[in-house]
């Protein structure tokens, strides 16, 4: 969980991701064949949440969540936030973005065992329990499809996938910029098919 994001960039990247749905759908059709994604046109209406660039927000991934801020958007941890917490925020007309790491395994997450050992690479510096993932592996994308399904079940309006820049780090795999872009586009397409916004984090070079 590398919190190196300037939060105004989060809002910008959310707006960028959600405004390019048609381009993302077109670019992801090749990924559908190689990475096992499904029908790219299942949510072609672009009905996902589209925040304004000046949206007010609260970003909190750890500790007891303070739900009292008068803001439009909360960004919180997907796994650590309960259905009740998210429902309470939405009852206050808050939009909820749910964080998870898409480019690394975290050994404390409940779905850690579903990630194949061969897909786990080098340790992330300064983050014990995290390993870079081979984002080329179909198993990895399938794990994160399940996370997107969980986000829908919990009532998240969008997701914030972290560590989507393995190609630019010592991941333990020969990842290329093209590999990363393919994975990121596949993730965006899967999120949009579920009616979810998706942020781009730590990989602004490929925005």
C-alpha atoms as a PDB file:
ATOM      1  CA  UNK A   1       0.000   0.000   0.000  1.00  0.00           C
ATOM      2  CA  UNK A   2       2.212   2.822  -1.286  1.00  0.00           C
ATOM      3  CA  UNK A   3       0.452   6.052  -0.419  1.00  0.00           C
ATOM      4  CA  UNK A   4       2.482   8.236  -2.776  1.00  0.00           C
ATOM      5  CA  UNK A   5      -0.496   9.691  -4.572  1.00  0.00           C
ATOM      6  CA  UNK A   6      -1.203  13.401  -4.547  1.00  0.00           C
ATOM      7  CA  UNK A   7      -4.906  13.286  -3.861  1.00  0.00           C
ATOM      8  CA  UNK A   8      -5.848  15.956  -6.342  1.00  0.00           C
ATOM      9  CA  UNK A   9      -4.309  13.637  -8.925  1.00  0.00           C
ATOM     10  CA  UNK A  10      -6.647  10.883  -7.728  1.00  0.00           C
ATOM     11  CA  UNK A  11      -9.649  13.013  -8.572  1.00  0.00           C
ATOM     12  CA  UNK A  12      -8.108  13.959 -11.922  1.00  0.00           C
ATOM     13  CA  UNK A  13      -7.319  10.354 -12.748  1.00  0.00           C
ATOM     14  CA  UNK A  14     -10.830   9.284 -11.804  1.00  0.00           C
ATOM     15  CA  UNK A  15     -12.205  11.851 -14.215  1.00  0.00           C
ATOM     16  CA  UNK A  16      -9.783  10.735 -16.912  1.00  0.00           C
ATOM     17  CA  UNK A  17     -10.625   7.067 -16.504  1.00  0.00           C
ATOM     18  CA  UNK A  18     -14.380   7.498 -16.437  1.00  0.00           C
ATOM     19  CA  UNK A  19     -14.435   9.891 -19.368  1.00  0.00           C
ATOM     20  CA  UNK A  20     -12.587   7.529 -21.722  1.00  0.00           C
ATOM     21  CA  UNK A  21     -14.941   4.571 -21.530  1.00  0.00           C
ATOM     22  CA  UNK A  22     -15.433   4.179 -25.273  1.00  0.00           C
ATOM     23  CA  UNK A  23     -11.697   4.269 -25.961  1.00  0.00           C
ATOM     24  CA  UNK A  24     -11.080   1.814 -23.149  1.00  0.00           C
ATOM     25  CA  UNK A  25     -13.714  -0.570 -24.472  1.00  0.00           C
ATOM     26  CA  UNK A  26     -12.226  -0.506 -27.957  1.00  0.00           C
ATOM     27  CA  UNK A  27      -8.680  -1.033 -26.727  1.00  0.00           C
ATOM     28  CA  UNK A  28      -9.648  -3.872 -24.419  1.00  0.00           C
ATOM     29  CA  UNK A  29     -11.139  -6.179 -27.055  1.00  0.00           C
ATOM     30  CA  UNK A  30      -7.759  -7.754 -27.712  1.00  0.00           C
ATOM     31  CA  UNK A  31      -7.287  -8.240 -23.996  1.00  0.00           C
ATOM     32  CA  UNK A  32     -10.611 -10.073 -23.820  1.00  0.00           C
ATOM     33  CA  UNK A  33      -9.135 -12.956 -25.812  1.00  0.00           C
ATOM     34  CA  UNK A  34      -5.818 -13.191 -24.003  1.00  0.00           C
ATOM     35  CA  UNK A  35      -6.832 -12.330 -20.443  1.00  0.00           C
ATOM     36  CA  UNK A  36     -10.242 -13.984 -20.204  1.00  0.00           C
ATOM     37  CA  UNK A  37     -12.472 -10.925 -19.884  1.00  0.00           C
ATOM     38  CA  UNK A  38     -16.103 -11.095 -20.942  1.00  0.00           C
ATOM     39  CA  UNK A  39     -18.402  -9.073 -23.199  1.00  0.00           C
ATOM     40  CA  UNK A  40     -16.918  -5.555 -23.435  1.00  0.00           C
ATOM     41  CA  UNK A  41     -20.272  -3.991 -24.277  1.00  0.00           C
ATOM     42  CA  UNK A  42     -22.232  -5.100 -21.197  1.00  0.00           C
ATOM     43  CA  UNK A  43     -22.217  -1.547 -19.791  1.00  0.00           C
ATOM     44  CA  UNK A  44     -21.714   0.702 -22.797  1.00  0.00           C
ATOM     45  CA  UNK A  45     -23.909   3.509 -21.474  1.00  0.00           C
ATOM     46  CA  UNK A  46     -21.138   5.015 -19.338  1.00  0.00           C
ATOM     47  CA  UNK A  47     -23.410   5.179 -16.300  1.00  0.00           C
ATOM     48  CA  UNK A  48     -20.598   4.994 -13.739  1.00  0.00           C
ATOM     49  CA  UNK A  49     -19.904   7.826 -11.284  1.00  0.00           C
ATOM     50  CA  UNK A  50     -18.034  10.752 -12.860  1.00  0.00           C
ATOM     51  CA  UNK A  51     -16.648  13.106 -10.193  1.00  0.00           C
ATOM     52  CA  UNK A  52     -15.987  16.746 -10.932  1.00  0.00           C
ATOM     53  CA  UNK A  53     -12.358  17.850 -10.802  1.00  0.00           C
ATOM     54  CA  UNK A  54     -13.123  20.070  -7.800  1.00  0.00           C
ATOM     55  CA  UNK A  55     -14.927  17.340  -5.846  1.00  0.00           C
ATOM     56  CA  UNK A  56     -14.439  17.394  -2.068  1.00  0.00           C
ATOM     57  CA  UNK A  57     -13.042  14.181  -0.588  1.00  0.00           C
ATOM     58  CA  UNK A  58     -11.804  12.287   2.451  1.00  0.00           C
ATOM     59  CA  UNK A  59      -9.138   9.609   1.892  1.00  0.00           C
ATOM     60  CA  UNK A  60      -8.591   7.195   4.789  1.00  0.00           C
ATOM     61  CA  UNK A  61      -7.326   3.628   4.478  1.00  0.00           C
ATOM     62  CA  UNK A  62      -6.435   2.801   8.091  1.00  0.00           C
ATOM     63  CA  UNK A  63      -7.749   3.436  11.578  1.00  0.00           C
ATOM     64  CA  UNK A  64     -11.289   4.129  12.717  1.00  0.00           C
ATOM     65  CA  UNK A  65     -13.080   5.815   9.853  1.00  0.00           C
ATOM     66  CA  UNK A  66     -14.346   9.313  10.545  1.00  0.00           C
ATOM     67  CA  UNK A  67     -17.630   9.520   8.645  1.00  0.00           C
ATOM     68  CA  UNK A  68     -18.514  13.031   9.794  1.00  0.00           C
ATOM     69  CA  UNK A  69     -16.753  15.054   7.090  1.00  0.00           C
ATOM     70  CA  UNK A  70     -19.038  17.099   4.855  1.00  0.00           C
ATOM     71  CA  UNK A  71     -17.514  15.910   1.577  1.00  0.00           C
ATOM     72  CA  UNK A  72     -18.873  14.329  -1.579  1.00  0.00           C
ATOM     73  CA  UNK A  73     -16.435  11.442  -1.885  1.00  0.00           C
ATOM     74  CA  UNK A  74     -14.858   8.970   0.545  1.00  0.00           C
ATOM     75  CA  UNK A  75     -11.933   6.755  -0.507  1.00  0.00           C
ATOM     76  CA  UNK A  76     -11.662   3.772   1.855  1.00  0.00           C
ATOM     77  CA  UNK A  77     -10.249   0.236   1.971  1.00  0.00           C
ATOM     78  CA  UNK A  78     -12.322  -2.378   0.134  1.00  0.00           C
ATOM     79  CA  UNK A  79     -11.669  -5.213   2.558  1.00  0.00           C
ATOM     80  CA  UNK A  80     -11.578  -3.315   5.847  1.00  0.00           C
ATOM     81  CA  UNK A  81     -14.790  -1.375   5.248  1.00  0.00           C
ATOM     82  CA  UNK A  82     -18.024  -3.156   6.095  1.00  0.00           C
ATOM     83  CA  UNK A  83     -21.271  -3.170   4.176  1.00  0.00           C
ATOM     84  CA  UNK A  84     -22.770  -1.210   7.052  1.00  0.00           C
ATOM     85  CA  UNK A  85     -20.079   1.483   6.908  1.00  0.00           C
ATOM     86  CA  UNK A  86     -20.500   1.965   3.176  1.00  0.00           C
ATOM     87  CA  UNK A  87     -24.292   1.968   3.472  1.00  0.00           C
ATOM     88  CA  UNK A  88     -24.077   4.621   6.194  1.00  0.00           C
ATOM     89  CA  UNK A  89     -21.912   6.825   3.982  1.00  0.00           C
ATOM     90  CA  UNK A  90     -24.239   6.422   1.035  1.00  0.00           C
ATOM     91  CA  UNK A  91     -27.209   7.257   3.263  1.00  0.00           C
ATOM     92  CA  UNK A  92     -25.496  10.631   3.721  1.00  0.00           C
ATOM     93  CA  UNK A  93     -25.266  10.974  -0.080  1.00  0.00           C
ATOM     94  CA  UNK A  94     -21.527  10.296  -0.077  1.00  0.00           C
ATOM     95  CA  UNK A  95     -19.885   8.585  -3.035  1.00  0.00           C
ATOM     96  CA  UNK A  96     -17.573   5.730  -2.022  1.00  0.00           C
ATOM     97  CA  UNK A  97     -14.369   4.733  -3.793  1.00  0.00           C
ATOM     98  CA  UNK A  98     -12.887   1.437  -2.586  1.00  0.00           C
ATOM     99  CA  UNK A  99      -9.121   0.895  -2.450  1.00  0.00           C
ATOM    100  CA  UNK A 100      -7.257  -2.341  -3.160  1.00  0.00           C
ATOM    101  CA  UNK A 101      -3.835  -3.271  -4.506  1.00  0.00           C
ATOM    102  CA  UNK A 102      -4.025  -4.612  -8.057  1.00  0.00           C
ATOM    103  CA  UNK A 103      -0.315  -5.055  -8.719  1.00  0.00           C
ATOM    104  CA  UNK A 104       0.785  -6.738  -5.513  1.00  0.00           C
ATOM    105  CA  UNK A 105      -0.265  -9.592  -3.256  1.00  0.00           C
ATOM    106  CA  UNK A 106      -0.796  -8.749   0.414  1.00  0.00           C
ATOM    107  CA  UNK A 107      -0.515 -11.728   2.730  1.00  0.00           C
ATOM    108  CA  UNK A 108      -3.151 -10.393   5.146  1.00  0.00           C
ATOM    109  CA  UNK A 109      -5.944 -10.181   2.576  1.00  0.00           C
ATOM    110  CA  UNK A 110      -8.656 -12.877   2.677  1.00  0.00           C
ATOM    111  CA  UNK A 111      -8.168 -13.827  -0.992  1.00  0.00           C
ATOM    112  CA  UNK A 112      -4.368 -14.102  -0.776  1.00  0.00           C
ATOM    113  CA  UNK A 113      -4.503 -17.885  -1.194  1.00  0.00           C
ATOM    114  CA  UNK A 114      -6.316 -17.603  -4.522  1.00  0.00           C
ATOM    115  CA  UNK A 115      -3.274 -15.982  -6.145  1.00  0.00           C
ATOM    116  CA  UNK A 116      -1.011 -18.619  -7.676  1.00  0.00           C
ATOM    117  CA  UNK A 117       2.465 -18.854  -6.156  1.00  0.00           C
ATOM    118  CA  UNK A 118       4.068 -18.582  -9.594  1.00  0.00           C
ATOM    119  CA  UNK A 119       2.451 -15.162 -10.002  1.00  0.00           C
ATOM    120  CA  UNK A 120       4.074 -13.732  -6.855  1.00  0.00           C
ATOM    121  CA  UNK A 121       7.405 -12.037  -7.487  1.00  0.00           C
ATOM    122  CA  UNK A 122       9.773  -9.754  -5.611  1.00  0.00           C
ATOM    123  CA  UNK A 123       8.988  -8.061  -2.317  1.00  0.00           C
ATOM    124  CA  UNK A 124       7.855  -4.452  -2.365  1.00  0.00           C
ATOM    125  CA  UNK A 125      10.432  -2.239  -0.688  1.00  0.00           C
ATOM    126  CA  UNK A 126       9.381  -1.120   2.800  1.00  0.00           C
ATOM    127  CA  UNK A 127       6.053  -2.976   2.657  1.00  0.00           C
ATOM    128  CA  UNK A 128       6.359  -6.300   4.533  1.00  0.00           C
ATOM    129  CA  UNK A 129       4.013  -9.014   3.313  1.00  0.00           C
ATOM    130  CA  UNK A 130       3.627  -7.560  -0.187  1.00  0.00           C
ATOM    131  CA  UNK A 131       4.970  -9.055  -3.403  1.00  0.00           C
ATOM    132  CA  UNK A 132       4.747  -7.778  -6.948  1.00  0.00           C
ATOM    133  CA  UNK A 133       2.445  -9.772  -9.224  1.00  0.00           C
ATOM    134  CA  UNK A 134       2.848 -11.108 -12.731  1.00  0.00           C
ATOM    135  CA  UNK A 135       0.061  -9.068 -14.274  1.00  0.00           C
ATOM    136  CA  UNK A 136       0.345 -11.110 -17.491  1.00  0.00           C
ATOM    137  CA  UNK A 137      -1.131 -14.158 -15.719  1.00  0.00           C
ATOM    138  CA  UNK A 138      -4.835 -14.855 -16.277  1.00  0.00           C
ATOM    139  CA  UNK A 139      -5.156 -15.905 -12.635  1.00  0.00           C
ATOM    140  CA  UNK A 140      -4.166 -12.436 -11.479  1.00  0.00           C
ATOM    141  CA  UNK A 141      -6.851 -10.693 -13.526  1.00  0.00           C
ATOM    142  CA  UNK A 142      -9.431 -13.228 -12.357  1.00  0.00           C
ATOM    143  CA  UNK A 143      -8.593 -12.490  -8.710  1.00  0.00           C
ATOM    144  CA  UNK A 144      -9.186  -8.827  -9.289  1.00  0.00           C
ATOM    145  CA  UNK A 145     -12.397  -9.432 -11.209  1.00  0.00           C
ATOM    146  CA  UNK A 146     -13.610 -11.045  -8.002  1.00  0.00           C
ATOM    147  CA  UNK A 147     -12.522  -7.951  -6.096  1.00  0.00           C
ATOM    148  CA  UNK A 148     -14.528  -5.782  -8.448  1.00  0.00           C
ATOM    149  CA  UNK A 149     -17.525  -8.029  -7.813  1.00  0.00           C
ATOM    150  CA  UNK A 150     -16.971  -7.524  -4.075  1.00  0.00           C
ATOM    151  CA  UNK A 151     -16.887  -3.764  -4.618  1.00  0.00           C
ATOM    152  CA  UNK A 152     -20.263  -3.970  -6.351  1.00  0.00           C
ATOM    153  CA  UNK A 153     -21.692  -6.153  -3.582  1.00  0.00           C
ATOM    154  CA  UNK A 154     -20.538  -3.697  -0.928  1.00  0.00           C
ATOM    155  CA  UNK A 155     -22.024  -0.744  -2.773  1.00  0.00           C
ATOM    156  CA  UNK A 156     -18.824   1.021  -3.861  1.00  0.00           C
ATOM    157  CA  UNK A 157     -19.233   3.628  -6.592  1.00  0.00           C
ATOM    158  CA  UNK A 158     -15.705   3.107  -7.873  1.00  0.00           C
ATOM    159  CA  UNK A 159     -12.338   1.551  -7.134  1.00  0.00           C
ATOM    160  CA  UNK A 160      -8.772   2.730  -6.597  1.00  0.00           C
ATOM    161  CA  UNK A 161      -6.383  -0.042  -7.720  1.00  0.00           C
ATOM    162  CA  UNK A 162      -2.871   0.512  -6.327  1.00  0.00           C
ATOM    163  CA  UNK A 163       0.566  -0.569  -7.585  1.00  0.00           C
ATOM    164  CA  UNK A 164      -0.280  -0.632 -11.278  1.00  0.00           C
ATOM    165  CA  UNK A 165       3.288   0.239 -12.256  1.00  0.00           C
ATOM    166  CA  UNK A 166       5.113  -3.068 -11.850  1.00  0.00           C
ATOM    167  CA  UNK A 167       6.822  -2.586 -15.210  1.00  0.00           C
ATOM    168  CA  UNK A 168       8.641   0.419 -13.730  1.00  0.00           C
ATOM    169  CA  UNK A 169       9.844  -1.464 -10.634  1.00  0.00           C
ATOM    170  CA  UNK A 170      11.934  -4.535  -9.794  1.00  0.00           C
ATOM    171  CA  UNK A 171       8.963  -6.888  -9.841  1.00  0.00           C
ATOM    172  CA  UNK A 172      10.819 -10.146 -10.456  1.00  0.00           C
ATOM    173  CA  UNK A 173       9.112 -10.472 -13.834  1.00  0.00           C
ATOM    174  CA  UNK A 174      10.101  -9.077 -17.265  1.00  0.00           C
ATOM    175  CA  UNK A 175       7.104  -6.767 -17.395  1.00  0.00           C
ATOM    176  CA  UNK A 176       6.944  -4.145 -20.122  1.00  0.00           C
ATOM    177  CA  UNK A 177       5.051  -0.891 -20.430  1.00  0.00           C
ATOM    178  CA  UNK A 178       2.833  -2.643 -22.986  1.00  0.00           C
ATOM    179  CA  UNK A 179       2.055  -5.412 -20.464  1.00  0.00           C
ATOM    180  CA  UNK A 180       1.084  -2.806 -17.887  1.00  0.00           C
ATOM    181  CA  UNK A 181      -1.104  -0.834 -20.256  1.00  0.00           C
ATOM    182  CA  UNK A 182      -2.882  -4.015 -21.361  1.00  0.00           C
ATOM    183  CA  UNK A 183      -3.584  -4.994 -17.755  1.00  0.00           C
ATOM    184  CA  UNK A 184      -4.695  -1.508 -16.750  1.00  0.00           C
ATOM    185  CA  UNK A 185      -7.081  -1.280 -19.703  1.00  0.00           C
ATOM    186  CA  UNK A 186      -8.491  -4.721 -18.904  1.00  0.00           C
ATOM    187  CA  UNK A 187      -9.056  -3.617 -15.306  1.00  0.00           C
ATOM    188  CA  UNK A 188     -10.756  -0.412 -16.460  1.00  0.00           C
ATOM    189  CA  UNK A 189     -13.005  -2.336 -18.827  1.00  0.00           C
ATOM    190  CA  UNK A 190     -13.985  -4.818 -16.120  1.00  0.00           C
ATOM    191  CA  UNK A 191     -14.747  -1.974 -13.702  1.00  0.00           C
ATOM    192  CA  UNK A 192     -16.840  -0.094 -16.229  1.00  0.00           C
ATOM    193  CA  UNK A 193     -18.805  -3.237 -17.140  1.00  0.00           C
ATOM    194  CA  UNK A 194     -19.830  -3.366 -13.492  1.00  0.00           C
ATOM    195  CA  UNK A 195     -20.815   0.304 -13.424  1.00  0.00           C
ATOM    196  CA  UNK A 196     -17.760   1.279 -11.365  1.00  0.00           C
ATOM    197  CA  UNK A 197     -15.499   4.279 -11.756  1.00  0.00           C
ATOM    198  CA  UNK A 198     -11.793   3.445 -11.664  1.00  0.00           C
ATOM    199  CA  UNK A 199      -8.815   5.577 -10.661  1.00  0.00           C
ATOM    200  CA  UNK A 200      -5.332   5.477 -12.121  1.00  0.00           C
ATOM    201  CA  UNK A 201      -2.695   5.513  -9.380  1.00  0.00           C
ATOM    202  CA  UNK A 202       1.130   5.455  -9.469  1.00  0.00           C
ATOM    203  CA  UNK A 203       1.217   5.142 -13.268  1.00  0.00           C
ATOM    204  CA  UNK A 204       0.499   8.637 -14.497  1.00  0.00           C
ATOM    205  CA  UNK A 205       3.064   8.158 -17.288  1.00  0.00           C
ATOM    206  CA  UNK A 206       0.436   5.997 -18.992  1.00  0.00           C
ATOM    207  CA  UNK A 207      -2.552   8.262 -18.343  1.00  0.00           C
END
